[in-house]
Amino acid sequence: MKIGVISDTHGYLDPRVEKIFAGVDHILHAGDIGFASIILELEFIAPVTAVLGNTDSEMQFRLTETVELARKKFLVHHIVNPWALSDNVAADIARENPFAVVFGHTHKRFAETVNGVFFFNPGYSGRAKFGMERSVALLHGDGKGFRHEFIPL
């Protein structure tokens, strides 16, 4: 299984994402979408699980989603600090017992296991600004687990 992971599009879907995500089985968008039309564009590639970010408004997405892919649970929430979880996120993790928590917000790549949970941020994928590093990611599952791959934009 191959999962495309994206966050912080802020109303801009880089045209390279379609090629990068070609052949993925599912896409996770960890918030700050910008426009709902971005999710529609991604759905032409693969099914999408998306959540609201702190800059999103008037969209019909939830703050947190849990999806099972390749027999592993992925919890998706925009603002997460792996070392200082909010009460809501900690309760969601305790209830769902996910393999991974996918998040955004910081605009920085992150891949680390904390207290037995894999926390993953694909980085910022919106328009280029201030020399900020931009990226999306792929999670490759082989039946034993997942390995991550960050892809610069």
C-alpha atoms as a PDB file:
ATOM      1  CA  MET A   1       0.000   0.000   0.000  1.00  0.00           C
ATOM      2  CA  LYS A   2       1.149   3.516  -0.780  1.00  0.00           C
ATOM      3  CA  ILE A   3      -0.309   6.588   0.962  1.00  0.00           C
ATOM      4  CA  GLY A   4       0.145  10.171  -0.163  1.00  0.00           C
ATOM      5  CA  VAL A   5       0.457  12.645   2.706  1.00  0.00           C
ATOM      6  CA  ILE A   6       0.018  16.388   2.310  1.00  0.00           C
ATOM      7  CA  SER A   7      -0.664  19.344   4.567  1.00  0.00           C
ATOM      8  CA  ASP A   8      -0.812  23.110   4.583  1.00  0.00           C
ATOM      9  CA  THR A   9      -1.750  23.645   0.946  1.00  0.00           C
ATOM     10  CA  HIS A  10      -3.259  27.021   1.927  1.00  0.00           C
ATOM     11  CA  GLY A  11      -5.304  27.206  -1.281  1.00  0.00           C
ATOM     12  CA  TYR A  12      -2.559  26.023  -3.664  1.00  0.00           C
ATOM     13  CA  LEU A  13      -2.073  22.499  -4.999  1.00  0.00           C
ATOM     14  CA  ASP A  14       1.333  22.255  -6.633  1.00  0.00           C
ATOM     15  CA  PRO A  15       0.910  20.723 -10.121  1.00  0.00           C
ATOM     16  CA  ARG A  16       3.689  18.202  -9.352  1.00  0.00           C
ATOM     17  CA  VAL A  17       1.544  16.549  -6.652  1.00  0.00           C
ATOM     18  CA  GLU A  18      -0.559  14.707  -9.247  1.00  0.00           C
ATOM     19  CA  LYS A  19       2.514  12.934 -10.613  1.00  0.00           C
ATOM     20  CA  ILE A  20       4.045  12.349  -7.163  1.00  0.00           C
ATOM     21  CA  PHE A  21       0.813  10.802  -5.855  1.00  0.00           C
ATOM     22  CA  ALA A  22       0.064   8.802  -9.033  1.00  0.00           C
ATOM     23  CA  GLY A  23      -0.673   5.221  -7.991  1.00  0.00           C
ATOM     24  CA  VAL A  24      -1.268   5.909  -4.299  1.00  0.00           C
ATOM     25  CA  ASP A  25      -4.072   3.960  -2.640  1.00  0.00           C
ATOM     26  CA  HIS A  26      -5.172   6.792  -0.338  1.00  0.00           C
ATOM     27  CA  ILE A  27      -4.314  10.420   0.440  1.00  0.00           C
ATOM     28  CA  LEU A  28      -4.224  12.034   3.887  1.00  0.00           C
ATOM     29  CA  HIS A  29      -4.523  15.838   4.045  1.00  0.00           C
ATOM     30  CA  ALA A  30      -3.654  17.171   7.506  1.00  0.00           C
ATOM     31  CA  GLY A  31      -5.378  20.541   7.287  1.00  0.00           C
ATOM     32  CA  ASP A  32      -5.013  24.169   6.265  1.00  0.00           C
ATOM     33  CA  ILE A  33      -6.564  23.148   2.966  1.00  0.00           C
ATOM     34  CA  GLY A  34      -7.556  26.634   1.816  1.00  0.00           C
ATOM     35  CA  PHE A  35     -10.252  25.674  -0.689  1.00  0.00           C
ATOM     36  CA  ALA A  36     -12.457  22.557  -0.728  1.00  0.00           C
ATOM     37  CA  SER A  37     -11.715  22.287  -4.460  1.00  0.00           C
ATOM     38  CA  ILE A  38      -8.213  21.080  -3.544  1.00  0.00           C
ATOM     39  CA  ILE A  39      -9.727  17.980  -1.966  1.00  0.00           C
ATOM     40  CA  LEU A  40     -11.823  17.445  -5.109  1.00  0.00           C
ATOM     41  CA  GLU A  41      -8.654  17.615  -7.215  1.00  0.00           C
ATOM     42  CA  LEU A  42      -6.909  15.108  -4.938  1.00  0.00           C
ATOM     43  CA  GLU A  43      -9.925  12.775  -5.138  1.00  0.00           C
ATOM     44  CA  PHE A  44      -9.241  12.391  -8.880  1.00  0.00           C
ATOM     45  CA  ILE A  45      -6.010  10.682  -7.808  1.00  0.00           C
ATOM     46  CA  ALA A  46      -7.218   8.523  -4.875  1.00  0.00           C
ATOM     47  CA  PRO A  47      -9.688   8.532  -1.961  1.00  0.00           C
ATOM     48  CA  VAL A  48      -8.912  11.333   0.504  1.00  0.00           C
ATOM     49  CA  THR A  49      -9.204  11.701   4.262  1.00  0.00           C
ATOM     50  CA  ALA A  50      -8.919  15.383   5.184  1.00  0.00           C
ATOM     51  CA  VAL A  51      -9.273  17.487   8.316  1.00  0.00           C
ATOM     52  CA  LEU A  52      -9.746  21.166   9.031  1.00  0.00           C
ATOM     53  CA  GLY A  53      -6.795  23.334   9.897  1.00  0.00           C
ATOM     54  CA  ASN A  54      -6.748  26.502  11.933  1.00  0.00           C
ATOM     55  CA  THR A  55      -7.056  28.670   8.784  1.00  0.00           C
ATOM     56  CA  ASP A  56      -9.912  26.682   7.232  1.00  0.00           C
ATOM     57  CA  SER A  57     -13.469  27.889   7.576  1.00  0.00           C
ATOM     58  CA  GLU A  58     -16.862  27.051   6.142  1.00  0.00           C
ATOM     59  CA  MET A  59     -15.734  23.638   4.911  1.00  0.00           C
ATOM     60  CA  GLN A  60     -17.485  20.404   5.730  1.00  0.00           C
ATOM     61  CA  PHE A  61     -14.515  18.559   7.226  1.00  0.00           C
ATOM     62  CA  ARG A  62     -13.949  17.528  10.825  1.00  0.00           C
ATOM     63  CA  LEU A  63     -11.112  18.504  13.138  1.00  0.00           C
ATOM     64  CA  THR A  64     -10.025  14.885  13.584  1.00  0.00           C
ATOM     65  CA  GLU A  65     -10.425  11.789  11.438  1.00  0.00           C
ATOM     66  CA  THR A  66      -9.336   8.210  11.925  1.00  0.00           C
ATOM     67  CA  VAL A  67      -8.942   5.904   8.960  1.00  0.00           C
ATOM     68  CA  GLU A  68      -7.745   2.305   8.759  1.00  0.00           C
ATOM     69  CA  LEU A  69      -5.333   1.549   5.928  1.00  0.00           C
ATOM     70  CA  ALA A  70      -3.419  -1.714   5.511  1.00  0.00           C
ATOM     71  CA  ARG A  71      -4.794  -2.844   8.887  1.00  0.00           C
ATOM     72  CA  LYS A  72      -3.227   0.165  10.632  1.00  0.00           C
ATOM     73  CA  LYS A  73      -5.113   3.105  12.129  1.00  0.00           C
ATOM     74  CA  PHE A  74      -4.083   6.622  11.138  1.00  0.00           C
ATOM     75  CA  LEU A  75      -5.352   9.526  13.216  1.00  0.00           C
ATOM     76  CA  VAL A  76      -5.283  12.825  11.309  1.00  0.00           C
ATOM     77  CA  HIS A  77      -5.411  16.160  13.180  1.00  0.00           C
ATOM     78  CA  HIS A  78      -3.914  19.511  12.171  1.00  0.00           C
ATOM     79  CA  ILE A  79      -2.262  20.898  15.322  1.00  0.00           C
ATOM     80  CA  VAL A  80      -0.301  18.304  17.293  1.00  0.00           C
ATOM     81  CA  ASN A  81       2.726  18.629  19.536  1.00  0.00           C
ATOM     82  CA  PRO A  82       3.992  15.052  19.999  1.00  0.00           C
ATOM     83  CA  TRP A  83       5.720  15.971  23.290  1.00  0.00           C
ATOM     84  CA  ALA A  84       2.854  17.974  24.788  1.00  0.00           C
ATOM     85  CA  LEU A  85      -0.440  16.590  23.513  1.00  0.00           C
ATOM     86  CA  SER A  86      -3.615  18.587  23.987  1.00  0.00           C
ATOM     87  CA  ASP A  87      -6.246  16.874  26.119  1.00  0.00           C
ATOM     88  CA  ASN A  88      -8.430  16.263  23.043  1.00  0.00           C
ATOM     89  CA  VAL A  89      -5.647  14.698  20.983  1.00  0.00           C
ATOM     90  CA  ALA A  90      -4.453  12.604  23.950  1.00  0.00           C
ATOM     91  CA  ALA A  91      -8.019  11.320  24.453  1.00  0.00           C
ATOM     92  CA  ASP A  92      -8.354  10.526  20.727  1.00  0.00           C
ATOM     93  CA  ILE A  93      -5.069   8.606  20.788  1.00  0.00           C
ATOM     94  CA  ALA A  94      -6.110   6.692  23.926  1.00  0.00           C
ATOM     95  CA  ARG A  95      -9.494   5.825  22.387  1.00  0.00           C
ATOM     96  CA  GLU A  96      -8.333   4.977  18.839  1.00  0.00           C
ATOM     97  CA  ASN A  97      -4.903   3.473  19.598  1.00  0.00           C
ATOM     98  CA  PRO A  98      -3.510   4.537  16.199  1.00  0.00           C
ATOM     99  CA  PHE A  99      -0.351   3.308  14.565  1.00  0.00           C
ATOM    100  CA  ALA A 100       0.309   6.869  13.402  1.00  0.00           C
ATOM    101  CA  VAL A 101      -0.783  10.439  14.028  1.00  0.00           C
ATOM    102  CA  VAL A 102      -0.551  12.568  10.884  1.00  0.00           C
ATOM    103  CA  PHE A 103      -0.457  16.317  11.441  1.00  0.00           C
ATOM    104  CA  GLY A 104       0.557  19.634   9.878  1.00  0.00           C
ATOM    105  CA  HIS A 105       0.570  23.247  11.096  1.00  0.00           C
ATOM    106  CA  THR A 106       4.304  23.633  11.813  1.00  0.00           C
ATOM    107  CA  HIS A 107       5.266  23.670   8.103  1.00  0.00           C
ATOM    108  CA  LYS A 108       8.174  21.403   9.056  1.00  0.00           C
ATOM    109  CA  ARG A 109       8.772  17.759   8.229  1.00  0.00           C
ATOM    110  CA  PHE A 110       8.584  15.413  11.178  1.00  0.00           C
ATOM    111  CA  ALA A 111       8.804  11.626  11.530  1.00  0.00           C
ATOM    112  CA  GLU A 112       9.373  10.220  14.994  1.00  0.00           C
ATOM    113  CA  THR A 113       7.922   7.595  17.300  1.00  0.00           C
ATOM    114  CA  VAL A 114       6.906   9.044  20.659  1.00  0.00           C
ATOM    115  CA  ASN A 115       5.492   6.780  23.385  1.00  0.00           C
ATOM    116  CA  GLY A 116       4.886   4.007  20.860  1.00  0.00           C
ATOM    117  CA  VAL A 117       3.004   6.149  18.330  1.00  0.00           C
ATOM    118  CA  PHE A 118       4.483   7.272  15.006  1.00  0.00           C
ATOM    119  CA  PHE A 119       3.981  11.042  14.578  1.00  0.00           C
ATOM    120  CA  PHE A 120       4.271  12.268  11.012  1.00  0.00           C
ATOM    121  CA  ASN A 121       4.157  15.708   9.386  1.00  0.00           C
ATOM    122  CA  PRO A 122       4.746  15.885   5.609  1.00  0.00           C
ATOM    123  CA  GLY A 123       5.774  19.549   5.792  1.00  0.00           C
ATOM    124  CA  TYR A 124       4.458  22.627   4.012  1.00  0.00           C
ATOM    125  CA  SER A 125       3.114  22.262   0.464  1.00  0.00           C
ATOM    126  CA  GLY A 126       1.584  25.684  -0.259  1.00  0.00           C
ATOM    127  CA  ARG A 127       2.974  28.402  -2.489  1.00  0.00           C
ATOM    128  CA  ALA A 128       6.691  29.116  -2.241  1.00  0.00           C
ATOM    129  CA  LYS A 129       7.405  31.934   0.197  1.00  0.00           C
ATOM    130  CA  PHE A 130      10.356  33.321   2.088  1.00  0.00           C
ATOM    131  CA  GLY A 131      12.579  30.435   0.942  1.00  0.00           C
ATOM    132  CA  MET A 132      10.495  28.041   3.042  1.00  0.00           C
ATOM    133  CA  GLU A 133      11.153  24.378   2.337  1.00  0.00           C
ATOM    134  CA  ARG A 134       8.151  22.732   0.661  1.00  0.00           C
ATOM    135  CA  SER A 135       7.314  19.033   0.583  1.00  0.00           C
ATOM    136  CA  VAL A 136       4.774  16.243   0.491  1.00  0.00           C
ATOM    137  CA  ALA A 137       5.355  12.657   1.551  1.00  0.00           C
ATOM    138  CA  LEU A 138       4.651   9.046   0.768  1.00  0.00           C
ATOM    139  CA  LEU A 139       4.148   6.228   3.248  1.00  0.00           C
ATOM    140  CA  HIS A 140       5.052   2.853   1.771  1.00  0.00           C
ATOM    141  CA  GLY A 141       3.469  -0.165   3.485  1.00  0.00           C
ATOM    142  CA  ASP A 142       4.797  -3.667   2.905  1.00  0.00           C
ATOM    143  CA  GLY A 143       2.656  -5.732   5.292  1.00  0.00           C
ATOM    144  CA  LYS A 144       5.242  -5.492   8.072  1.00  0.00           C
ATOM    145  CA  GLY A 145       5.108  -1.754   8.543  1.00  0.00           C
ATOM    146  CA  PHE A 146       5.512   1.572   6.804  1.00  0.00           C
ATOM    147  CA  ARG A 147       8.518   3.558   5.700  1.00  0.00           C
ATOM    148  CA  HIS A 148       8.273   7.252   4.953  1.00  0.00           C
ATOM    149  CA  GLU A 149       9.629   9.278   2.085  1.00  0.00           C
ATOM    150  CA  PHE A 150       9.671  13.071   1.989  1.00  0.00           C
ATOM    151  CA  ILE A 151       9.497  14.551  -1.492  1.00  0.00           C
ATOM    152  CA  PRO A 152      10.624  18.161  -1.978  1.00  0.00           C
ATOM    153  CA  LEU A 153       8.503  20.463  -4.122  1.00  0.00           C
END
